[in-house]
């Protein structure tokens, strides 16, 4: 599982090792955690 996904409490549908990312459904809490994580490069 992606470290970022796990830290945000997200269960990813797909994990991408090439770009070190994941895809999954996010609720508002997940989105908030990821948006405020300094290790996340992409923002909504």
PDB file of N, CA and C in Angstrom:
ATOM      1  N   UNK A   1       0.849  -1.182   0.000  1.00  0.00           N
ATOM      2  CA  UNK A   1       0.000   0.000   0.000  1.00  0.00           C
ATOM      3  C   UNK A   1       0.890   1.239   0.000  1.00  0.00           C
ATOM      4  N   UNK A   2       0.446   2.270  -0.649  1.00  0.00           N
ATOM      5  CA  UNK A   2       1.172   3.533  -0.682  1.00  0.00           C
ATOM      6  C   UNK A   2       1.267   4.120   0.723  1.00  0.00           C
ATOM      7  N   UNK A   3       2.447   4.599   1.088  1.00  0.00           N
ATOM      8  CA  UNK A   3       2.627   5.221   2.397  1.00  0.00           C
ATOM      9  C   UNK A   3       1.717   6.418   2.598  1.00  0.00           C
ATOM     10  N   UNK A   4       1.537   7.228   1.561  1.00  0.00           N
ATOM     11  CA  UNK A   4       0.645   8.383   1.666  1.00  0.00           C
ATOM     12  C   UNK A   4      -0.799   7.951   1.839  1.00  0.00           C
ATOM     13  N   UNK A   5      -1.217   6.936   1.086  1.00  0.00           N
ATOM     14  CA  UNK A   5      -2.586   6.436   1.213  1.00  0.00           C
ATOM     15  C   UNK A   5      -2.808   5.912   2.622  1.00  0.00           C
ATOM     16  N   UNK A   6      -1.864   5.131   3.121  1.00  0.00           N
ATOM     17  CA  UNK A   6      -1.990   4.563   4.456  1.00  0.00           C
ATOM     18  C   UNK A   6      -2.035   5.670   5.508  1.00  0.00           C
ATOM     19  N   UNK A   7      -1.209   6.686   5.376  1.00  0.00           N
ATOM     20  CA  UNK A   7      -1.182   7.796   6.329  1.00  0.00           C
ATOM     21  C   UNK A   7      -2.501   8.555   6.344  1.00  0.00           C
ATOM     22  N   UNK A   8      -3.178   8.620   5.180  1.00  0.00           N
ATOM     23  CA  UNK A   8      -4.456   9.327   5.086  1.00  0.00           C
ATOM     24  C   UNK A   8      -5.637   8.413   5.388  1.00  0.00           C
ATOM     25  N   UNK A   9      -5.373   7.122   5.628  1.00  0.00           N
ATOM     26  CA  UNK A   9      -6.457   6.187   5.913  1.00  0.00           C
ATOM     27  C   UNK A   9      -7.228   5.753   4.686  1.00  0.00           C
ATOM     28  N   UNK A  10      -6.609   5.859   3.512  1.00  0.00           N
ATOM     29  CA  UNK A  10      -7.257   5.522   2.245  1.00  0.00           C
ATOM     30  C   UNK A  10      -6.866   4.106   1.819  1.00  0.00           C
ATOM     31  N   UNK A  11      -7.831   3.339   1.333  1.00  0.00           N
ATOM     32  CA  UNK A  11      -7.542   2.043   0.727  1.00  0.00           C
ATOM     33  C   UNK A  11      -7.512   2.251  -0.778  1.00  0.00           C
ATOM     34  N   UNK A  12      -6.334   2.243  -1.397  1.00  0.00           N
ATOM     35  CA  UNK A  12      -6.243   2.541  -2.822  1.00  0.00           C
ATOM     36  C   UNK A  12      -6.838   1.439  -3.700  1.00  0.00           C
ATOM     37  N   UNK A  13      -7.411   1.859  -4.817  1.00  0.00           N
ATOM     38  CA  UNK A  13      -7.880   0.923  -5.838  1.00  0.00           C
ATOM     39  C   UNK A  13      -6.714   0.507  -6.723  1.00  0.00           C
ATOM     40  N   UNK A  14      -5.797   1.426  -6.966  1.00  0.00           N
ATOM     41  CA  UNK A  14      -4.600   1.184  -7.775  1.00  0.00           C
ATOM     42  C   UNK A  14      -3.417   1.869  -7.096  1.00  0.00           C
ATOM     43  N   UNK A  15      -2.234   1.279  -7.189  1.00  0.00           N
ATOM     44  CA  UNK A  15      -1.005   1.886  -6.674  1.00  0.00           C
ATOM     45  C   UNK A  15      -0.026   1.960  -7.835  1.00  0.00           C
ATOM     46  N   UNK A  16       0.575   3.127  -8.033  1.00  0.00           N
ATOM     47  CA  UNK A  16       1.489   3.359  -9.148  1.00  0.00           C
ATOM     48  C   UNK A  16       2.904   3.521  -8.612  1.00  0.00           C
ATOM     49  N   UNK A  17       3.793   2.588  -8.915  1.00  0.00           N
ATOM     50  CA  UNK A  17       5.162   2.683  -8.420  1.00  0.00           C
ATOM     51  C   UNK A  17       6.022   3.614  -9.270  1.00  0.00           C
ATOM     52  N   UNK A  18       5.698   3.736 -10.541  1.00  0.00           N
ATOM     53  CA  UNK A  18       6.485   4.593 -11.444  1.00  0.00           C
ATOM     54  C   UNK A  18       6.423   6.049 -10.994  1.00  0.00           C
ATOM     55  N   UNK A  19       5.258   6.518 -10.618  1.00  0.00           N
ATOM     56  CA  UNK A  19       5.088   7.912 -10.203  1.00  0.00           C
ATOM     57  C   UNK A  19       4.865   8.039  -8.701  1.00  0.00           C
ATOM     58  N   UNK A  20       4.996   6.922  -7.954  1.00  0.00           N
ATOM     59  CA  UNK A  20       4.819   6.917  -6.509  1.00  0.00           C
ATOM     60  C   UNK A  20       3.489   7.542  -6.111  1.00  0.00           C
ATOM     61  N   UNK A  21       2.403   6.969  -6.617  1.00  0.00           N
ATOM     62  CA  UNK A  21       1.090   7.504  -6.305  1.00  0.00           C
ATOM     63  C   UNK A  21       0.054   6.413  -6.193  1.00  0.00           C
ATOM     64  N   UNK A  22      -1.192   6.832  -6.036  1.00  0.00           N
ATOM     65  CA  UNK A  22      -2.295   5.896  -5.919  1.00  0.00           C
ATOM     66  C   UNK A  22      -3.581   6.549  -6.415  1.00  0.00           C
ATOM     67  N   UNK A  23      -4.583   5.714  -6.683  1.00  0.00           N
ATOM     68  CA  UNK A  23      -5.915   6.187  -7.058  1.00  0.00           C
ATOM     69  C   UNK A  23      -6.911   5.516  -6.133  1.00  0.00           C
ATOM     70  N   UNK A  24      -7.896   6.246  -5.699  1.00  0.00           N
ATOM     71  CA  UNK A  24      -8.916   5.677  -4.821  1.00  0.00           C
ATOM     72  C   UNK A  24      -9.984   6.703  -4.519  1.00  0.00           C
ATOM     73  N   UNK A  25     -11.041   6.249  -3.879  1.00  0.00           N
ATOM     74  CA  UNK A  25     -12.119   7.146  -3.465  1.00  0.00           C
ATOM     75  C   UNK A  25     -11.710   7.851  -2.181  1.00  0.00           C
ATOM     76  N   UNK A  26     -11.930   9.151  -2.134  1.00  0.00           N
ATOM     77  CA  UNK A  26     -11.564   9.946  -0.970  1.00  0.00           C
ATOM     78  C   UNK A  26     -12.800  10.606  -0.365  1.00  0.00           C
ATOM     79  N   UNK A  27     -12.879  10.557   0.953  1.00  0.00           N
ATOM     80  CA  UNK A  27     -13.921  11.351   1.599  1.00  0.00           C
ATOM     81  C   UNK A  27     -13.303  12.697   1.975  1.00  0.00           C
ATOM     82  N   UNK A  28     -14.059  13.555   2.608  1.00  0.00           N
ATOM     83  CA  UNK A  28     -13.559  14.897   2.918  1.00  0.00           C
ATOM     84  C   UNK A  28     -12.353  14.853   3.855  1.00  0.00           C
ATOM     85  N   UNK A  29     -12.355  13.924   4.812  1.00  0.00           N
ATOM     86  CA  UNK A  29     -11.228  13.795   5.740  1.00  0.00           C
ATOM     87  C   UNK A  29      -9.963  13.342   5.043  1.00  0.00           C
ATOM     88  N   UNK A  30     -10.101  12.373   4.118  1.00  0.00           N
ATOM     89  CA  UNK A  30      -8.943  11.910   3.349  1.00  0.00           C
ATOM     90  C   UNK A  30      -8.371  13.063   2.523  1.00  0.00           C
ATOM     91  N   UNK A  31      -9.265  13.774   1.846  1.00  0.00           N
ATOM     92  CA  UNK A  31      -8.824  14.881   0.993  1.00  0.00           C
ATOM     93  C   UNK A  31      -8.107  15.943   1.817  1.00  0.00           C
ATOM     94  N   UNK A  32      -8.643  16.240   2.985  1.00  0.00           N
ATOM     95  CA  UNK A  32      -8.029  17.210   3.883  1.00  0.00           C
ATOM     96  C   UNK A  32      -6.637  16.760   4.308  1.00  0.00           C
ATOM     97  N   UNK A  33      -6.510  15.493   4.694  1.00  0.00           N
ATOM     98  CA  UNK A  33      -5.211  14.964   5.133  1.00  0.00           C
ATOM     99  C   UNK A  33      -4.184  15.036   4.011  1.00  0.00           C
ATOM    100  N   UNK A  34      -4.585  14.668   2.813  1.00  0.00           N
ATOM    101  CA  UNK A  34      -3.643  14.676   1.688  1.00  0.00           C
ATOM    102  C   UNK A  34      -3.311  16.093   1.230  1.00  0.00           C
ATOM    103  N   UNK A  35      -4.294  16.966   1.236  1.00  0.00           N
ATOM    104  CA  UNK A  35      -4.062  18.352   0.819  1.00  0.00           C
ATOM    105  C   UNK A  35      -3.074  19.046   1.742  1.00  0.00           C
ATOM    106  N   UNK A  36      -3.110  18.695   3.022  1.00  0.00           N
ATOM    107  CA  UNK A  36      -2.232  19.342   4.002  1.00  0.00           C
ATOM    108  C   UNK A  36      -0.940  18.582   4.248  1.00  0.00           C
ATOM    109  N   UNK A  37      -0.699  17.522   3.500  1.00  0.00           N
ATOM    110  CA  UNK A  37       0.522  16.728   3.652  1.00  0.00           C
ATOM    111  C   UNK A  37       1.621  17.325   2.782  1.00  0.00           C
ATOM    112  N   UNK A  38       2.740  17.740   3.368  1.00  0.00           N
ATOM    113  CA  UNK A  38       3.819  18.348   2.586  1.00  0.00           C
ATOM    114  C   UNK A  38       4.497  17.380   1.612  1.00  0.00           C
ATOM    115  N   UNK A  39       4.258  16.075   1.762  1.00  0.00           N
ATOM    116  CA  UNK A  39       4.847  15.088   0.852  1.00  0.00           C
ATOM    117  C   UNK A  39       4.021  14.875  -0.402  1.00  0.00           C
ATOM    118  N   UNK A  40       2.877  15.547  -0.503  1.00  0.00           N
ATOM    119  CA  UNK A  40       2.002  15.409  -1.665  1.00  0.00           C
ATOM    120  C   UNK A  40       2.300  16.549  -2.633  1.00  0.00           C
ATOM    121  N   UNK A  41       2.688  16.201  -3.858  1.00  0.00           N
ATOM    122  CA  UNK A  41       3.041  17.208  -4.861  1.00  0.00           C
ATOM    123  C   UNK A  41       1.804  17.751  -5.573  1.00  0.00           C
ATOM    124  N   UNK A  42       0.862  16.892  -5.924  1.00  0.00           N
ATOM    125  CA  UNK A  42      -0.338  17.320  -6.640  1.00  0.00           C
ATOM    126  C   UNK A  42      -1.413  17.736  -5.657  1.00  0.00           C
ATOM    127  N   UNK A  43      -2.116  18.760  -5.975  1.00  0.00           N
ATOM    128  CA  UNK A  43      -3.203  19.249  -5.142  1.00  0.00           C
ATOM    129  C   UNK A  43      -4.463  19.342  -6.003  1.00  0.00           C
ATOM    130  N   UNK A  44      -5.637  19.155  -5.384  1.00  0.00           N
ATOM    131  CA  UNK A  44      -6.890  19.268  -6.160  1.00  0.00           C
ATOM    132  C   UNK A  44      -7.162  20.689  -6.593  1.00  0.00           C
TER     133      UNK A  44
END
